[in-house]
Amino acid sequence: MPANLQKVAIGAAICYGVYKYVNNPLVKSAAVGVLGLIVAKQLPFVKDSVA
């Protein structure tokens, strides 16, 4: 597994675990937002726009 994909997979797994096992809706929405940012950092046409 490439190192970059491994980092993305670990971040996605952490966000999934938070979303699945935490009952607070604010924390769940934060996990979805962080996962969206992780995915956006990988897309070539969005990567330059995301700080």
N, C-alpha and C. Protein backbone atom coordinates (compact mmCIF):
# COMPACT_ATOMS: atom_id res chain seq x y z
N MET A 1 0.85 -1.17 0.00
CA MET A 1 0.00 0.00 0.00
C MET A 1 0.90 1.24 0.00
N PRO A 2 0.65 2.16 -0.91
CA PRO A 2 1.46 3.39 -0.92
C PRO A 2 1.28 4.19 0.38
N ALA A 3 2.32 4.90 0.74
CA ALA A 3 2.31 5.62 2.02
C ALA A 3 1.20 6.67 2.06
N ASN A 4 0.96 7.35 0.94
CA ASN A 4 -0.07 8.38 0.92
C ASN A 4 -1.46 7.77 1.12
N LEU A 5 -1.72 6.65 0.46
CA LEU A 5 -3.01 5.98 0.61
C LEU A 5 -3.19 5.43 2.02
N GLN A 6 -2.11 4.99 2.62
CA GLN A 6 -2.17 4.47 3.98
C GLN A 6 -2.56 5.58 4.96
N LYS A 7 -2.01 6.78 4.78
CA LYS A 7 -2.37 7.90 5.66
C LYS A 7 -3.84 8.27 5.50
N VAL A 8 -4.33 8.25 4.28
CA VAL A 8 -5.74 8.56 4.03
C VAL A 8 -6.63 7.50 4.66
N ALA A 9 -6.24 6.24 4.53
CA ALA A 9 -7.03 5.15 5.10
C ALA A 9 -7.08 5.22 6.62
N ILE A 10 -5.98 5.56 7.25
CA ILE A 10 -5.96 5.69 8.71
C ILE A 10 -6.85 6.84 9.15
N GLY A 11 -6.76 7.98 8.47
CA GLY A 11 -7.63 9.11 8.81
C GLY A 11 -9.10 8.79 8.60
N ALA A 12 -9.41 8.10 7.51
CA ALA A 12 -10.81 7.72 7.25
C ALA A 12 -11.31 6.74 8.30
N ALA A 13 -10.46 5.81 8.72
CA ALA A 13 -10.87 4.84 9.74
C ALA A 13 -11.12 5.52 11.08
N ILE A 14 -10.30 6.49 11.43
CA ILE A 14 -10.51 7.22 12.69
C ILE A 14 -11.82 8.00 12.63
N CYS A 15 -12.06 8.67 11.50
CA CYS A 15 -13.31 9.42 11.36
C CYS A 15 -14.52 8.50 11.40
N TYR A 16 -14.40 7.33 10.78
CA TYR A 16 -15.51 6.37 10.80
C TYR A 16 -15.77 5.88 12.23
N GLY A 17 -14.70 5.59 12.96
CA GLY A 17 -14.86 5.14 14.34
C GLY A 17 -15.53 6.19 15.21
N VAL A 18 -15.14 7.43 15.04
CA VAL A 18 -15.77 8.52 15.79
C VAL A 18 -17.24 8.64 15.41
N TYR A 19 -17.53 8.59 14.12
CA TYR A 19 -18.91 8.71 13.66
C TYR A 19 -19.78 7.56 14.16
N LYS A 20 -19.23 6.37 14.18
CA LYS A 20 -20.00 5.18 14.54
C LYS A 20 -20.26 5.08 16.04
N TYR A 21 -19.27 5.42 16.87
CA TYR A 21 -19.36 5.10 18.29
C TYR A 21 -19.59 6.28 19.22
N VAL A 22 -19.63 7.51 18.70
CA VAL A 22 -19.90 8.67 19.54
C VAL A 22 -21.35 9.09 19.32
N ASN A 23 -22.06 9.35 20.41
CA ASN A 23 -23.48 9.67 20.31
C ASN A 23 -23.77 11.15 20.11
N ASN A 24 -22.80 12.01 20.30
CA ASN A 24 -22.99 13.44 20.19
C ASN A 24 -23.09 13.85 18.71
N PRO A 25 -24.20 14.48 18.29
CA PRO A 25 -24.34 14.84 16.87
C PRO A 25 -23.33 15.89 16.41
N LEU A 26 -22.87 16.75 17.30
CA LEU A 26 -21.86 17.73 16.90
C LEU A 26 -20.53 17.06 16.58
N VAL A 27 -20.18 16.05 17.34
CA VAL A 27 -18.93 15.33 17.09
C VAL A 27 -19.05 14.53 15.79
N LYS A 28 -20.24 13.96 15.55
CA LYS A 28 -20.45 13.22 14.30
C LYS A 28 -20.32 14.13 13.09
N SER A 29 -20.88 15.33 13.17
CA SER A 29 -20.77 16.24 12.03
C SER A 29 -19.34 16.72 11.85
N ALA A 30 -18.60 16.88 12.94
CA ALA A 30 -17.19 17.26 12.83
C ALA A 30 -16.39 16.14 12.16
N ALA A 31 -16.70 14.89 12.49
CA ALA A 31 -16.00 13.77 11.87
C ALA A 31 -16.27 13.71 10.37
N VAL A 32 -17.49 13.99 9.96
CA VAL A 32 -17.82 14.00 8.53
C VAL A 32 -17.09 15.15 7.84
N GLY A 33 -17.01 16.30 8.50
CA GLY A 33 -16.30 17.43 7.93
C GLY A 33 -14.81 17.17 7.77
N VAL A 34 -14.21 16.55 8.76
CA VAL A 34 -12.79 16.22 8.67
C VAL A 34 -12.56 15.19 7.56
N LEU A 35 -13.44 14.22 7.45
CA LEU A 35 -13.30 13.23 6.38
C LEU A 35 -13.43 13.88 5.00
N GLY A 36 -14.33 14.85 4.88
CA GLY A 36 -14.44 15.58 3.63
C GLY A 36 -13.18 16.35 3.29
N LEU A 37 -12.56 16.91 4.30
CA LEU A 37 -11.30 17.63 4.08
C LEU A 37 -10.18 16.67 3.68
N ILE A 38 -10.15 15.50 4.29
CA ILE A 38 -9.14 14.50 3.94
C ILE A 38 -9.30 14.08 2.48
N VAL A 39 -10.52 13.86 2.05
CA VAL A 39 -10.77 13.46 0.66
C VAL A 39 -10.45 14.62 -0.28
N ALA A 40 -10.82 15.83 0.10
CA ALA A 40 -10.57 16.99 -0.77
C ALA A 40 -9.08 17.23 -0.97
N LYS A 41 -8.27 16.92 0.03
CA LYS A 41 -6.82 17.10 -0.10
C LYS A 41 -6.22 16.13 -1.12
N GLN A 42 -6.94 15.05 -1.45
CA GLN A 42 -6.42 14.06 -2.38
C GLN A 42 -6.83 14.32 -3.83
N LEU A 43 -7.85 15.11 -4.04
CA LEU A 43 -8.33 15.37 -5.39
C LEU A 43 -7.45 16.43 -6.06
N PRO A 44 -6.97 16.15 -7.27
CA PRO A 44 -6.01 17.07 -7.89
C PRO A 44 -6.58 18.45 -8.19
N PHE A 45 -7.85 18.54 -8.55
CA PHE A 45 -8.40 19.84 -8.90
C PHE A 45 -8.86 20.64 -7.69
N VAL A 46 -8.89 20.04 -6.51
CA VAL A 46 -9.29 20.74 -5.29
C VAL A 46 -8.08 20.96 -4.37
N LYS A 47 -7.05 20.15 -4.54
CA LYS A 47 -5.91 20.17 -3.63
C LYS A 47 -5.27 21.55 -3.51
N ASP A 48 -5.17 22.27 -4.63
CA ASP A 48 -4.54 23.58 -4.59
C ASP A 48 -5.41 24.64 -3.92
N SER A 49 -6.71 24.44 -3.92
CA SER A 49 -7.61 25.43 -3.33
C SER A 49 -7.75 25.26 -1.82
N VAL A 50 -7.55 24.06 -1.31
CA VAL A 50 -7.71 23.78 0.11
C VAL A 50 -6.41 24.14 0.82
N ALA A 51 -6.55 24.95 1.85
CA ALA A 51 -5.35 25.38 2.57
C ALA A 51 -4.80 24.31 3.47
